[in-house]
Amino acid sequence: MKKNNWSYMGSSGPMFWGGMCSDFMISDIGEEQSPIDIEESEVCDCNDKVNFHYTEDQFTIVIENHTFRLYPSKAKSQYLVFNEVSYKLDHIHAHIPSEHTLNHRYFSMEWHFVHKNARGNILVLAVWGNVEDEGKECFSDISGKLSRKETSVLLNPNDMISKHSNIFTYRGSLTTPPTSEGVTWLILRDIQPMNLKSHLFYSCFLKNNCRPIQKLNHRKVKKI
């Protein structure tokens, strides 16, 4: 089976990723796979530090089989600093429902801000969104652009970031093949309220693109 034939259902779904090719084998045998459930009572405090440095930018929209990606035009201006190491924003994408869970609870949506440092190490900032009566439109400009099949959108990542939120962090993997390990995860504790209209629109593009929860194994989740 070809590498690009993986999916979220049937014989090419998550249960079978590890057997599709040797590059995907870590999906079955890895000890630090993502996503995970975060048991808040088991989380320990830490002294890690995070600073966000995002600005308004024009993002290129690329539609793929299982999601859409948003690429910043000024990557050097979009970054975060984690423990004094700078990670540039590579792209943003999303999953419905959430991939990570909190105390076994799923949320309506999960945004992934994928970053890389100068050595190519990956850090993913995850932001949960949940449908609420007083919810807002998450990145509302995106939905209009997608519906009109436009190729770019003006966004400010800060609109999705609660800078006073606690942040969970742990060592994990990519959540899509090849599910490579060695990924640093930062997950905002504050949940972004979103309205039903926004969620229904994104659901048309994302169509249940979440990987099942993986074992925590020896790992510890920390809180910043």
C-alpha atoms as a PDB file:
ATOM      1  CA  MET A   1       0.000   0.000   0.000  1.00  0.00           C
ATOM      2  CA  LYS A   2       1.337   3.447  -0.883  1.00  0.00           C
ATOM      3  CA  LYS A   3       2.358   5.861   1.861  1.00  0.00           C
ATOM      4  CA  ASN A   4      -0.122   8.539   0.804  1.00  0.00           C
ATOM      5  CA  ASN A   5      -3.058   6.113   0.979  1.00  0.00           C
ATOM      6  CA  TRP A   6      -3.460   6.294   4.751  1.00  0.00           C
ATOM      7  CA  SER A   7      -6.787   7.497   6.093  1.00  0.00           C
ATOM      8  CA  TYR A   8      -8.902   7.575   9.250  1.00  0.00           C
ATOM      9  CA  MET A   9     -11.257   4.712   8.331  1.00  0.00           C
ATOM     10  CA  GLY A  10     -11.238   1.056   7.376  1.00  0.00           C
ATOM     11  CA  SER A  11      -8.156  -0.922   6.333  1.00  0.00           C
ATOM     12  CA  SER A  12      -6.070   2.229   5.871  1.00  0.00           C
ATOM     13  CA  GLY A  13      -7.141   3.758   9.212  1.00  0.00           C
ATOM     14  CA  PRO A  14      -5.061   4.391  12.361  1.00  0.00           C
ATOM     15  CA  MET A  15      -5.094   0.756  13.521  1.00  0.00           C
ATOM     16  CA  PHE A  16      -3.277  -0.221  10.315  1.00  0.00           C
ATOM     17  CA  TRP A  17      -0.839   2.675   9.814  1.00  0.00           C
ATOM     18  CA  GLY A  18       2.083   0.794  11.342  1.00  0.00           C
ATOM     19  CA  GLY A  19       1.833  -2.011   8.811  1.00  0.00           C
ATOM     20  CA  MET A  20       1.561   0.126   5.688  1.00  0.00           C
ATOM     21  CA  CYS A  21       5.324   0.559   5.251  1.00  0.00           C
ATOM     22  CA  SER A  22       8.541   0.472   7.274  1.00  0.00           C
ATOM     23  CA  ASP A  23       8.517   4.273   7.674  1.00  0.00           C
ATOM     24  CA  PHE A  24       5.197   4.042   9.547  1.00  0.00           C
ATOM     25  CA  MET A  25       6.201   1.154  11.851  1.00  0.00           C
ATOM     26  CA  ILE A  26       6.801   3.498  14.799  1.00  0.00           C
ATOM     27  CA  SER A  27       3.021   3.936  14.921  1.00  0.00           C
ATOM     28  CA  ASP A  28       2.795   0.392  16.341  1.00  0.00           C
ATOM     29  CA  ILE A  29       6.020   0.042  18.350  1.00  0.00           C
ATOM     30  CA  GLY A  30       6.667   3.589  19.580  1.00  0.00           C
ATOM     31  CA  GLU A  31       6.580   4.350  23.311  1.00  0.00           C
ATOM     32  CA  GLU A  32       5.966   8.111  22.945  1.00  0.00           C
ATOM     33  CA  GLN A  33       3.027   8.370  20.580  1.00  0.00           C
ATOM     34  CA  SER A  34       0.418  11.129  20.379  1.00  0.00           C
ATOM     35  CA  PRO A  35      -2.301  12.118  21.089  1.00  0.00           C
ATOM     36  CA  ILE A  36      -2.826  11.287  24.763  1.00  0.00           C
ATOM     37  CA  ASP A  37      -5.418  11.837  27.462  1.00  0.00           C
ATOM     38  CA  ILE A  38      -4.335  14.402  30.048  1.00  0.00           C
ATOM     39  CA  GLU A  39      -5.387  13.461  33.569  1.00  0.00           C
ATOM     40  CA  GLU A  40      -5.249  16.835  35.260  1.00  0.00           C
ATOM     41  CA  SER A  41      -4.833  15.312  38.727  1.00  0.00           C
ATOM     42  CA  GLU A  42      -1.621  13.609  37.548  1.00  0.00           C
ATOM     43  CA  VAL A  43      -0.011  16.718  36.036  1.00  0.00           C
ATOM     44  CA  CYS A  44       3.014  18.209  37.812  1.00  0.00           C
ATOM     45  CA  ASP A  45       4.216  21.820  37.747  1.00  0.00           C
ATOM     46  CA  CYS A  46       7.448  22.767  36.005  1.00  0.00           C
ATOM     47  CA  ASN A  47       9.640  25.808  35.363  1.00  0.00           C
ATOM     48  CA  ASP A  48       9.553  25.696  31.557  1.00  0.00           C
ATOM     49  CA  LYS A  49       9.005  29.074  29.879  1.00  0.00           C
ATOM     50  CA  VAL A  50       7.074  29.979  26.725  1.00  0.00           C
ATOM     51  CA  ASN A  51       6.816  33.318  24.945  1.00  0.00           C
ATOM     52  CA  PHE A  52       4.669  33.882  21.849  1.00  0.00           C
ATOM     53  CA  HIS A  53       5.765  36.184  19.030  1.00  0.00           C
ATOM     54  CA  TYR A  54       3.007  36.216  16.439  1.00  0.00           C
ATOM     55  CA  THR A  55       1.808  39.037  14.196  1.00  0.00           C
ATOM     56  CA  GLU A  56      -0.863  39.565  11.565  1.00  0.00           C
ATOM     57  CA  ASP A  57       0.199  37.933   8.321  1.00  0.00           C
ATOM     58  CA  GLN A  58      -1.040  36.691   4.984  1.00  0.00           C
ATOM     59  CA  PHE A  59      -1.398  32.905   5.119  1.00  0.00           C
ATOM     60  CA  THR A  60      -1.489  30.658   2.049  1.00  0.00           C
ATOM     61  CA  ILE A  61      -4.328  28.094   2.107  1.00  0.00           C
ATOM     62  CA  VAL A  62      -3.466  24.580   0.937  1.00  0.00           C
ATOM     63  CA  ILE A  63      -6.259  21.978   0.925  1.00  0.00           C
ATOM     64  CA  GLU A  64      -5.139  18.375   1.456  1.00  0.00           C
ATOM     65  CA  ASN A  65      -6.936  15.020   1.648  1.00  0.00           C
ATOM     66  CA  HIS A  66      -7.645  15.096   5.371  1.00  0.00           C
ATOM     67  CA  THR A  67      -7.279  18.742   6.362  1.00  0.00           C
ATOM     68  CA  PHE A  68      -6.263  22.197   5.173  1.00  0.00           C
ATOM     69  CA  ARG A  69      -2.998  23.942   6.015  1.00  0.00           C
ATOM     70  CA  LEU A  70      -2.258  27.613   6.521  1.00  0.00           C
ATOM     71  CA  TYR A  71       1.309  28.690   5.682  1.00  0.00           C
ATOM     72  CA  PRO A  72       2.596  32.110   6.839  1.00  0.00           C
ATOM     73  CA  SER A  73       4.160  34.346   4.210  1.00  0.00           C
ATOM     74  CA  LYS A  74       6.533  35.874   6.780  1.00  0.00           C
ATOM     75  CA  ALA A  75       7.729  32.819   8.683  1.00  0.00           C
ATOM     76  CA  LYS A  76      10.524  34.765  10.408  1.00  0.00           C
ATOM     77  CA  SER A  77       7.909  36.981  12.062  1.00  0.00           C
ATOM     78  CA  GLN A  78       5.841  34.074  13.385  1.00  0.00           C
ATOM     79  CA  TYR A  79       7.537  32.156  16.172  1.00  0.00           C
ATOM     80  CA  LEU A  80       7.571  31.195  19.815  1.00  0.00           C
ATOM     81  CA  VAL A  81      10.415  30.767  22.286  1.00  0.00           C
ATOM     82  CA  PHE A  82      10.409  27.657  24.478  1.00  0.00           C
ATOM     83  CA  ASN A  83      13.110  27.458  27.150  1.00  0.00           C
ATOM     84  CA  GLU A  84      15.203  30.043  25.275  1.00  0.00           C
ATOM     85  CA  VAL A  85      15.013  28.143  21.951  1.00  0.00           C
ATOM     86  CA  SER A  86      13.239  29.805  19.036  1.00  0.00           C
ATOM     87  CA  TYR A  87      10.745  27.762  16.990  1.00  0.00           C
ATOM     88  CA  LYS A  88       9.393  29.244  13.746  1.00  0.00           C
ATOM     89  CA  LEU A  89       5.783  28.614  12.759  1.00  0.00           C
ATOM     90  CA  ASP A  90       5.701  26.261   9.767  1.00  0.00           C
ATOM     91  CA  HIS A  91       1.934  25.981   9.339  1.00  0.00           C
ATOM     92  CA  ILE A  92      -1.444  25.693  11.083  1.00  0.00           C
ATOM     93  CA  HIS A  93      -3.961  22.888  10.605  1.00  0.00           C
ATOM     94  CA  ALA A  94      -6.912  21.450  12.535  1.00  0.00           C
ATOM     95  CA  HIS A  95      -8.660  18.258  13.636  1.00  0.00           C
ATOM     96  CA  ILE A  96     -12.312  17.437  14.397  1.00  0.00           C
ATOM     97  CA  PRO A  97     -12.995  16.344  17.064  1.00  0.00           C
ATOM     98  CA  SER A  98     -10.002  17.116  19.274  1.00  0.00           C
ATOM     99  CA  GLU A  99      -7.154  14.611  19.262  1.00  0.00           C
ATOM    100  CA  HIS A 100      -5.953  15.193  22.820  1.00  0.00           C
ATOM    101  CA  THR A 101      -8.495  14.827  25.606  1.00  0.00           C
ATOM    102  CA  LEU A 102      -8.677  16.355  29.071  1.00  0.00           C
ATOM    103  CA  ASN A 103      -9.832  14.029  31.854  1.00  0.00           C
ATOM    104  CA  HIS A 104     -11.197  11.743  29.079  1.00  0.00           C
ATOM    105  CA  ARG A 105     -13.238  14.570  27.573  1.00  0.00           C
ATOM    106  CA  TYR A 106     -13.104  15.345  23.867  1.00  0.00           C
ATOM    107  CA  PHE A 107     -13.593  18.881  22.533  1.00  0.00           C
ATOM    108  CA  SER A 108     -15.208  19.995  19.290  1.00  0.00           C
ATOM    109  CA  MET A 109     -11.964  20.898  17.540  1.00  0.00           C
ATOM    110  CA  GLU A 110      -8.195  21.097  17.978  1.00  0.00           C
ATOM    111  CA  TRP A 111      -5.872  23.507  16.161  1.00  0.00           C
ATOM    112  CA  HIS A 112      -2.207  22.585  15.675  1.00  0.00           C
ATOM    113  CA  PHE A 113       0.408  25.298  15.258  1.00  0.00           C
ATOM    114  CA  VAL A 114       3.386  23.330  13.931  1.00  0.00           C
ATOM    115  CA  HIS A 115       6.818  24.860  14.605  1.00  0.00           C
ATOM    116  CA  LYS A 116      10.434  23.924  13.862  1.00  0.00           C
ATOM    117  CA  ASN A 117      13.700  25.155  15.346  1.00  0.00           C
ATOM    118  CA  ALA A 118      17.035  25.673  13.556  1.00  0.00           C
ATOM    119  CA  ARG A 119      17.906  21.992  14.014  1.00  0.00           C
ATOM    120  CA  GLY A 120      14.640  20.810  12.518  1.00  0.00           C
ATOM    121  CA  ASN A 121      13.134  19.714  15.840  1.00  0.00           C
ATOM    122  CA  ILE A 122       9.345  19.948  15.893  1.00  0.00           C
ATOM    123  CA  LEU A 123       7.175  21.662  18.492  1.00  0.00           C
ATOM    124  CA  VAL A 124       3.385  21.681  18.182  1.00  0.00           C
ATOM    125  CA  LEU A 125       1.185  24.179  20.013  1.00  0.00           C
ATOM    126  CA  ALA A 126      -2.338  22.755  20.359  1.00  0.00           C
ATOM    127  CA  VAL A 127      -5.427  24.854  21.031  1.00  0.00           C
ATOM    128  CA  TRP A 128      -8.770  23.294  21.920  1.00  0.00           C
ATOM    129  CA  GLY A 129     -12.019  24.763  20.627  1.00  0.00           C
ATOM    130  CA  ASN A 130     -15.473  23.822  21.898  1.00  0.00           C
ATOM    131  CA  VAL A 131     -18.956  24.731  20.672  1.00  0.00           C
ATOM    132  CA  GLU A 132     -20.772  27.005  23.125  1.00  0.00           C
ATOM    133  CA  ASP A 133     -23.877  29.200  22.950  1.00  0.00           C
ATOM    134  CA  GLU A 134     -21.810  32.371  23.288  1.00  0.00           C
ATOM    135  CA  GLY A 135     -18.955  31.043  21.176  1.00  0.00           C
ATOM    136  CA  LYS A 136     -17.192  33.047  18.495  1.00  0.00           C
ATOM    137  CA  GLU A 137     -16.119  32.139  14.981  1.00  0.00           C
ATOM    138  CA  CYS A 138     -12.628  30.632  15.145  1.00  0.00           C
ATOM    139  CA  PHE A 139     -10.530  32.345  12.512  1.00  0.00           C
ATOM    140  CA  SER A 140     -13.798  33.450  10.921  1.00  0.00           C
ATOM    141  CA  ASP A 141     -12.085  34.739   7.776  1.00  0.00           C
ATOM    142  CA  ILE A 142     -10.910  31.240   6.897  1.00  0.00           C
ATOM    143  CA  SER A 143     -14.401  29.827   6.425  1.00  0.00           C
ATOM    144  CA  GLY A 144     -15.325  32.479   3.883  1.00  0.00           C
ATOM    145  CA  LYS A 145     -12.082  32.030   1.990  1.00  0.00           C
ATOM    146  CA  LEU A 146     -12.460  28.248   1.891  1.00  0.00           C
ATOM    147  CA  SER A 147     -16.045  28.450   0.657  1.00  0.00           C
ATOM    148  CA  ARG A 148     -14.936  30.745  -2.184  1.00  0.00           C
ATOM    149  CA  LYS A 149     -11.885  28.554  -2.901  1.00  0.00           C
ATOM    150  CA  GLU A 150      -9.521  31.454  -2.379  1.00  0.00           C
ATOM    151  CA  THR A 151      -5.837  30.727  -1.802  1.00  0.00           C
ATOM    152  CA  SER A 152      -4.836  33.160   0.949  1.00  0.00           C
ATOM    153  CA  VAL A 153      -6.217  34.796   4.087  1.00  0.00           C
ATOM    154  CA  LEU A 154      -5.103  37.534   6.479  1.00  0.00           C
ATOM    155  CA  LEU A 155      -4.822  36.140  10.026  1.00  0.00           C
ATOM    156  CA  ASN A 156      -3.308  36.941  13.389  1.00  0.00           C
ATOM    157  CA  PRO A 157      -2.427  33.774  15.355  1.00  0.00           C
ATOM    158  CA  ASN A 158      -2.741  35.789  18.565  1.00  0.00           C
ATOM    159  CA  ASP A 159      -6.525  35.727  18.060  1.00  0.00           C
ATOM    160  CA  MET A 160      -6.466  32.031  19.004  1.00  0.00           C
ATOM    161  CA  ILE A 161      -3.967  32.250  21.858  1.00  0.00           C
ATOM    162  CA  SER A 162      -4.919  32.866  25.483  1.00  0.00           C
ATOM    163  CA  LYS A 163      -1.585  34.178  26.737  1.00  0.00           C
ATOM    164  CA  HIS A 164      -2.567  33.843  30.398  1.00  0.00           C
ATOM    165  CA  SER A 165      -3.529  30.185  30.073  1.00  0.00           C
ATOM    166  CA  ASN A 166      -1.708  27.368  31.801  1.00  0.00           C
ATOM    167  CA  ILE A 167       0.031  25.128  29.289  1.00  0.00           C
ATOM    168  CA  PHE A 168       0.447  21.357  29.386  1.00  0.00           C
ATOM    169  CA  THR A 169       3.668  19.978  27.921  1.00  0.00           C
ATOM    170  CA  TYR A 170       4.978  16.495  27.177  1.00  0.00           C
ATOM    171  CA  ARG A 171       7.132  14.550  24.710  1.00  0.00           C
ATOM    172  CA  GLY A 172       5.216  12.845  21.944  1.00  0.00           C
ATOM    173  CA  SER A 173       4.900  12.309  18.213  1.00  0.00           C
ATOM    174  CA  LEU A 174       3.208  13.589  15.117  1.00  0.00           C
ATOM    175  CA  THR A 175      -0.425  12.443  15.046  1.00  0.00           C
ATOM    176  CA  THR A 176      -0.392  11.603  11.334  1.00  0.00           C
ATOM    177  CA  PRO A 177       1.899   9.185   9.464  1.00  0.00           C
ATOM    178  CA  PRO A 178       4.773   8.671   9.846  1.00  0.00           C
ATOM    179  CA  THR A 179       3.914   9.593  13.510  1.00  0.00           C
ATOM    180  CA  SER A 180       7.601  10.376  14.147  1.00  0.00           C
ATOM    181  CA  GLU A 181       8.550  10.771  17.810  1.00  0.00           C
ATOM    182  CA  GLY A 182      10.679  13.443  19.468  1.00  0.00           C
ATOM    183  CA  VAL A 183       7.957  16.104  19.155  1.00  0.00           C
ATOM    184  CA  THR A 184       7.516  18.663  21.936  1.00  0.00           C
ATOM    185  CA  TRP A 185       3.851  19.326  22.655  1.00  0.00           C
ATOM    186  CA  LEU A 186       2.402  22.472  24.239  1.00  0.00           C
ATOM    187  CA  ILE A 187      -1.355  22.358  24.857  1.00  0.00           C
ATOM    188  CA  LEU A 188      -3.240  25.421  26.078  1.00  0.00           C
ATOM    189  CA  ARG A 189      -5.441  24.666  29.102  1.00  0.00           C
ATOM    190  CA  ASP A 190      -7.897  27.448  28.246  1.00  0.00           C
ATOM    191  CA  ILE A 191     -10.501  26.267  25.755  1.00  0.00           C
ATOM    192  CA  GLN A 192     -11.550  28.622  22.960  1.00  0.00           C
ATOM    193  CA  PRO A 193     -15.353  28.948  22.683  1.00  0.00           C
ATOM    194  CA  MET A 194     -16.601  28.572  19.119  1.00  0.00           C
ATOM    195  CA  ASN A 195     -20.047  28.856  17.619  1.00  0.00           C
ATOM    196  CA  LEU A 196     -21.943  26.045  15.933  1.00  0.00           C
ATOM    197  CA  LYS A 197     -21.853  27.705  12.518  1.00  0.00           C
ATOM    198  CA  SER A 198     -18.069  27.787  12.549  1.00  0.00           C
ATOM    199  CA  HIS A 199     -17.813  24.183  13.707  1.00  0.00           C
ATOM    200  CA  LEU A 200     -20.253  22.873  11.096  1.00  0.00           C
ATOM    201  CA  PHE A 201     -18.344  24.615   8.330  1.00  0.00           C
ATOM    202  CA  TYR A 202     -14.977  23.177   9.356  1.00  0.00           C
ATOM    203  CA  SER A 203     -16.565  19.750   9.735  1.00  0.00           C
ATOM    204  CA  CYS A 204     -17.247  19.721   5.998  1.00  0.00           C
ATOM    205  CA  PHE A 205     -13.509  19.885   5.317  1.00  0.00           C
ATOM    206  CA  LEU A 206     -12.074  17.880   8.195  1.00  0.00           C
ATOM    207  CA  LYS A 207     -14.514  14.946   8.459  1.00  0.00           C
ATOM    208  CA  ASN A 208     -13.492  13.218  11.700  1.00  0.00           C
ATOM    209  CA  ASN A 209      -9.729  13.433  11.150  1.00  0.00           C
ATOM    210  CA  CYS A 210      -8.515  12.532  14.637  1.00  0.00           C
ATOM    211  CA  ARG A 211      -6.192   9.723  15.694  1.00  0.00           C
ATOM    212  CA  PRO A 212      -7.317   7.637  18.711  1.00  0.00           C
ATOM    213  CA  ILE A 213      -5.744   8.214  22.129  1.00  0.00           C
ATOM    214  CA  GLN A 214      -2.341   6.554  22.654  1.00  0.00           C
ATOM    215  CA  LYS A 215      -0.824   5.104  25.836  1.00  0.00           C
ATOM    216  CA  LEU A 216       1.061   7.506  28.088  1.00  0.00           C
ATOM    217  CA  ASN A 217       3.550   4.769  29.096  1.00  0.00           C
ATOM    218  CA  HIS A 218       6.475   6.149  31.116  1.00  0.00           C
ATOM    219  CA  ARG A 219       5.853   9.797  30.287  1.00  0.00           C
ATOM    220  CA  LYS A 220       4.838  12.630  32.606  1.00  0.00           C
ATOM    221  CA  VAL A 221       2.691  15.586  31.602  1.00  0.00           C
ATOM    222  CA  LYS A 222       3.858  18.870  33.091  1.00  0.00           C
ATOM    223  CA  LYS A 223       2.098  22.209  33.509  1.00  0.00           C
ATOM    224  CA  ILE A 224       3.635  25.606  32.807  1.00  0.00           C
END
